[in-house]
Each structure stands twice: as C-alpha cells, then as structure tokens.
Amino acid sequence: MSCGKLDPKIRCAPSVLQKLDSETLDLCNSVLPAVTVDDPGLVVQFLNPDDLHAALALPGSPIPPGADPLFSMNAFRAWVIQSALQAPHVGPGNHVPSATLSTAFRHLTEEMANAIVYKSWHLIPWAHQIQQAGLTDRVALVLWLAGTGKGRADMFVPGQVFG
C-alpha cells in the first residue's frame, strides 16, 4: 500500500495522525508486515527544520547544528539512524532504507526497540531545553508500532523523545 493513507489495520490517535505526512504514512504501512505482538516497529518523522536547527544549538543536543536548517536536518537524521544501529543486537538489516527524510526500523524485539528509544534517543535534558526554548512540541516524531495480532498494530508516540 503506497498511497499516503494509513493502513486501516494500524490504529492511531487522530491527534498523531494529523501530524504525519504521506511519506511517513507509507513507511508505517511498509513496516506493518514485520510487526508482531512481540516484535514492534519504529518510524521517525522529522518535523520543522528551522526548529530542529535551533534545537541542535541547545545544551544536551546529541550533535551540533549544521550550517543551515537542511544540513542540520540531514545530519540529525544520520545521527538518529547511527545511534539506533549502535543499540545492542540492532544492525543494518533492521533499518528500512527510505528516499524521504522519514526513516524506520523493523524486525525488532521489544528489547531492541526499548534500547533504541529509551537509551539512544531519550535525551531528557535536551527535550527539556527544547520545551523551555518554546520550539515546536518535538523536533522529530517517533512512532512505535505495537503488534496487536496478525497484521494489526497500535501506533503511539513514546513520551519525551526529541522534545
């Protein structure tokens, strides 16, 4: 399914769904077949490049800002991918290549997904700085697809990740 609409087998809160672009929706749909009750998927959509550029200059940022917002966005995307691939037992086969800015990971165990989200990406001091600076609510949106049965998933946003 590649049409910019979320597969009806994925349940998602309308408040989250309205933030997703068509490329991210297609990426969520492509991850769904690999999601089971014990094996979640992760999708990351990068949001406002100007806010991300400003956020990367704040204390606690994982990388310095680039020369301009687009460079910052690409550098942050590369960091997100590399930091996920450094989590225990996660490798290139778990990453879903994408021609868009959004990125995804599949064939993950619960342990692998938790390590990525809550050890690699859960940067509380930086998230606090982003909120204090009054930037958008997040600089990137992490979507966790949790399997609820064969070919079905609930999708939610883990708290305090990237803002």
Protein backbone atom coordinates (compact mmCIF):
# COMPACT_ATOMS: atom_id res chain seq x y z
CA MET A 1 0.00 0.00 0.00
CA SER A 2 1.67 3.22 -1.12
CA CYS A 3 -0.92 5.95 -1.30
CA GLY A 4 -0.23 8.33 1.57
CA LYS A 5 -3.00 6.85 3.72
CA LEU A 6 -2.54 4.83 6.88
CA ASP A 7 -3.45 1.17 6.54
CA PRO A 8 -6.75 0.63 8.43
CA LYS A 9 -5.05 -2.24 10.30
CA ILE A 10 -2.97 0.37 12.16
CA ARG A 11 -4.81 2.18 14.94
CA CYS A 12 -3.54 5.65 15.72
CA ALA A 13 -4.88 8.63 17.67
CA PRO A 14 -6.27 11.32 15.36
CA SER A 15 -4.04 13.92 17.07
CA VAL A 16 -0.97 11.94 15.97
CA LEU A 17 -2.33 11.00 12.55
CA GLN A 18 -2.88 14.65 11.57
CA LYS A 19 0.86 15.37 12.05
CA LEU A 20 2.04 12.66 9.65
CA ASP A 21 3.00 13.35 6.05
CA SER A 22 2.17 10.93 3.24
CA GLU A 23 5.72 9.55 3.04
CA THR A 24 5.66 8.69 6.75
CA LEU A 25 2.27 7.03 6.38
CA ASP A 26 3.64 4.91 3.53
CA LEU A 27 6.66 3.99 5.66
CA CYS A 28 4.38 2.95 8.55
CA ASN A 29 2.43 0.76 6.13
CA SER A 30 5.65 -0.83 4.86
CA VAL A 31 6.76 -1.68 8.42
CA LEU A 32 3.42 -3.27 9.39
CA PRO A 33 4.03 -6.74 7.87
CA ALA A 34 7.10 -7.19 10.11
CA VAL A 35 5.26 -6.15 13.30
CA THR A 36 4.06 -8.88 15.66
CA VAL A 37 2.86 -8.90 19.24
CA ASP A 38 6.45 -9.32 20.46
CA ASP A 39 8.26 -7.50 17.64
CA PRO A 40 7.45 -3.78 17.27
CA GLY A 41 8.44 -1.38 14.53
CA LEU A 42 9.68 2.21 14.80
CA VAL A 43 9.17 5.07 12.36
CA VAL A 44 10.66 8.55 12.74
CA GLN A 45 9.29 11.63 11.00
CA PHE A 46 11.43 14.75 11.17
CA LEU A 47 9.42 17.90 11.72
CA ASN A 48 10.21 21.61 11.43
CA PRO A 49 13.77 22.06 10.06
CA ASP A 50 14.09 25.59 11.47
CA ASP A 51 13.15 24.45 14.97
CA LEU A 52 15.45 21.44 14.72
CA HIS A 53 18.30 23.72 13.62
CA ALA A 54 17.69 25.94 16.68
CA ALA A 55 17.28 22.92 18.98
CA LEU A 56 20.62 21.48 17.95
CA ALA A 57 22.29 24.61 19.37
CA LEU A 58 20.77 23.94 22.82
CA PRO A 59 22.59 22.23 25.71
CA GLY A 60 22.20 18.45 25.67
CA SER A 61 21.91 18.21 21.89
CA PRO A 62 23.40 14.97 20.53
CA ILE A 63 25.12 16.80 17.65
CA PRO A 64 25.97 20.43 16.82
CA PRO A 65 23.77 22.36 14.37
CA GLY A 66 24.73 22.38 10.73
CA ALA A 67 25.40 25.37 8.53
CA ASP A 68 21.68 25.75 7.74
CA PRO A 69 18.36 24.04 8.63
CA LEU A 70 18.53 21.49 5.79
CA PHE A 71 22.09 20.49 6.69
CA SER A 72 21.01 20.17 10.34
CA MET A 73 18.04 18.01 9.34
CA ASN A 74 20.19 15.64 7.28
CA ALA A 75 22.87 15.45 10.00
CA PHE A 76 20.26 14.74 12.68
CA ARG A 77 18.63 12.05 10.53
CA ALA A 78 22.05 10.42 10.10
CA TRP A 79 22.60 10.58 13.87
CA VAL A 80 19.18 9.01 14.54
CA ILE A 81 19.99 6.11 12.22
CA GLN A 82 23.54 5.61 13.51
CA SER A 83 22.53 5.78 17.17
CA ALA A 84 19.80 3.19 16.56
CA LEU A 85 22.25 0.89 14.78
CA GLN A 86 24.56 1.07 17.81
CA ALA A 87 21.89 -0.35 20.14
CA PRO A 88 22.53 -3.97 21.19
CA HIS A 89 21.63 -6.55 18.52
CA VAL A 90 20.42 -3.89 16.05
CA GLY A 91 22.03 -3.95 12.63
CA PRO A 92 21.64 -2.63 9.08
CA GLY A 93 19.05 -5.33 8.37
CA ASN A 94 16.72 -3.66 10.88
CA HIS A 95 16.87 -0.29 9.13
CA VAL A 96 14.33 0.41 6.38
CA PRO A 97 16.04 2.46 3.67
CA SER A 98 13.93 5.41 2.59
CA ALA A 99 14.36 8.08 -0.05
CA THR A 100 12.43 10.50 2.17
CA LEU A 101 13.55 12.22 5.35
CA SER A 102 11.48 9.81 7.42
CA THR A 103 13.19 6.61 8.50
CA ALA A 104 12.13 3.32 10.05
CA PHE A 105 13.28 0.15 11.79
CA ARG A 106 11.64 -3.28 11.67
CA HIS A 107 12.29 -6.88 12.74
CA LEU A 108 12.99 -5.56 16.25
CA THR A 109 12.45 -7.34 19.52
CA GLU A 110 10.85 -5.42 22.37
CA GLU A 111 14.31 -5.23 23.98
CA MET A 112 15.87 -3.77 20.82
CA ALA A 113 13.11 -1.16 20.38
CA ASN A 114 13.36 -0.14 24.04
CA ALA A 115 17.15 0.23 23.74
CA ILE A 116 16.78 2.46 20.68
CA VAL A 117 14.02 4.68 22.02
CA TYR A 118 14.84 4.87 25.73
CA LYS A 119 18.64 4.59 25.72
CA SER A 120 19.73 6.08 22.38
CA TRP A 121 17.02 8.67 21.73
CA HIS A 122 15.57 9.52 25.16
CA LEU A 123 17.59 12.67 25.86
CA ILE A 124 15.60 14.21 28.72
CA PRO A 125 17.84 17.25 29.37
CA TRP A 126 17.73 18.17 25.68
CA ALA A 127 13.96 17.56 25.47
CA HIS A 128 13.55 19.89 28.47
CA GLN A 129 15.69 22.56 26.78
CA ILE A 130 13.57 22.28 23.60
CA GLN A 131 10.39 22.83 25.61
CA GLN A 132 11.94 25.72 27.59
CA ALA A 133 13.02 27.39 24.33
CA GLY A 134 9.40 27.32 23.12
CA LEU A 135 10.21 25.37 19.96
CA THR A 136 7.64 23.02 18.41
CA ASP A 137 6.45 20.25 20.70
CA ARG A 138 9.02 17.90 19.10
CA VAL A 139 11.76 18.18 16.50
CA ALA A 140 11.07 14.61 15.39
CA LEU A 141 8.13 12.32 15.95
CA VAL A 142 8.91 8.74 16.97
CA LEU A 143 6.11 6.31 16.16
CA TRP A 144 6.04 2.93 17.90
CA LEU A 145 4.02 0.27 16.11
CA ALA A 146 2.99 -2.38 18.63
CA GLY A 147 1.54 -5.57 17.22
CA THR A 148 -1.98 -6.41 18.39
CA GLY A 149 -2.50 -9.54 16.31
CA LYS A 150 -1.69 -10.88 12.87
CA GLY A 151 -1.16 -7.92 10.55
CA ARG A 152 -2.52 -5.38 13.05
CA ALA A 153 -0.88 -2.74 15.21
CA ASP A 154 -1.48 0.17 17.52
CA MET A 155 0.75 3.16 16.82
CA PHE A 156 1.71 5.61 19.55
CA VAL A 157 4.30 8.28 20.33
CA PRO A 158 6.68 7.46 23.21
CA GLY A 159 6.92 10.35 25.68
CA GLN A 160 9.81 12.79 26.00
CA VAL A 161 11.71 11.67 22.93
CA PHE A 162 13.11 14.57 20.88
CA GLY A 163 11.12 17.24 22.68
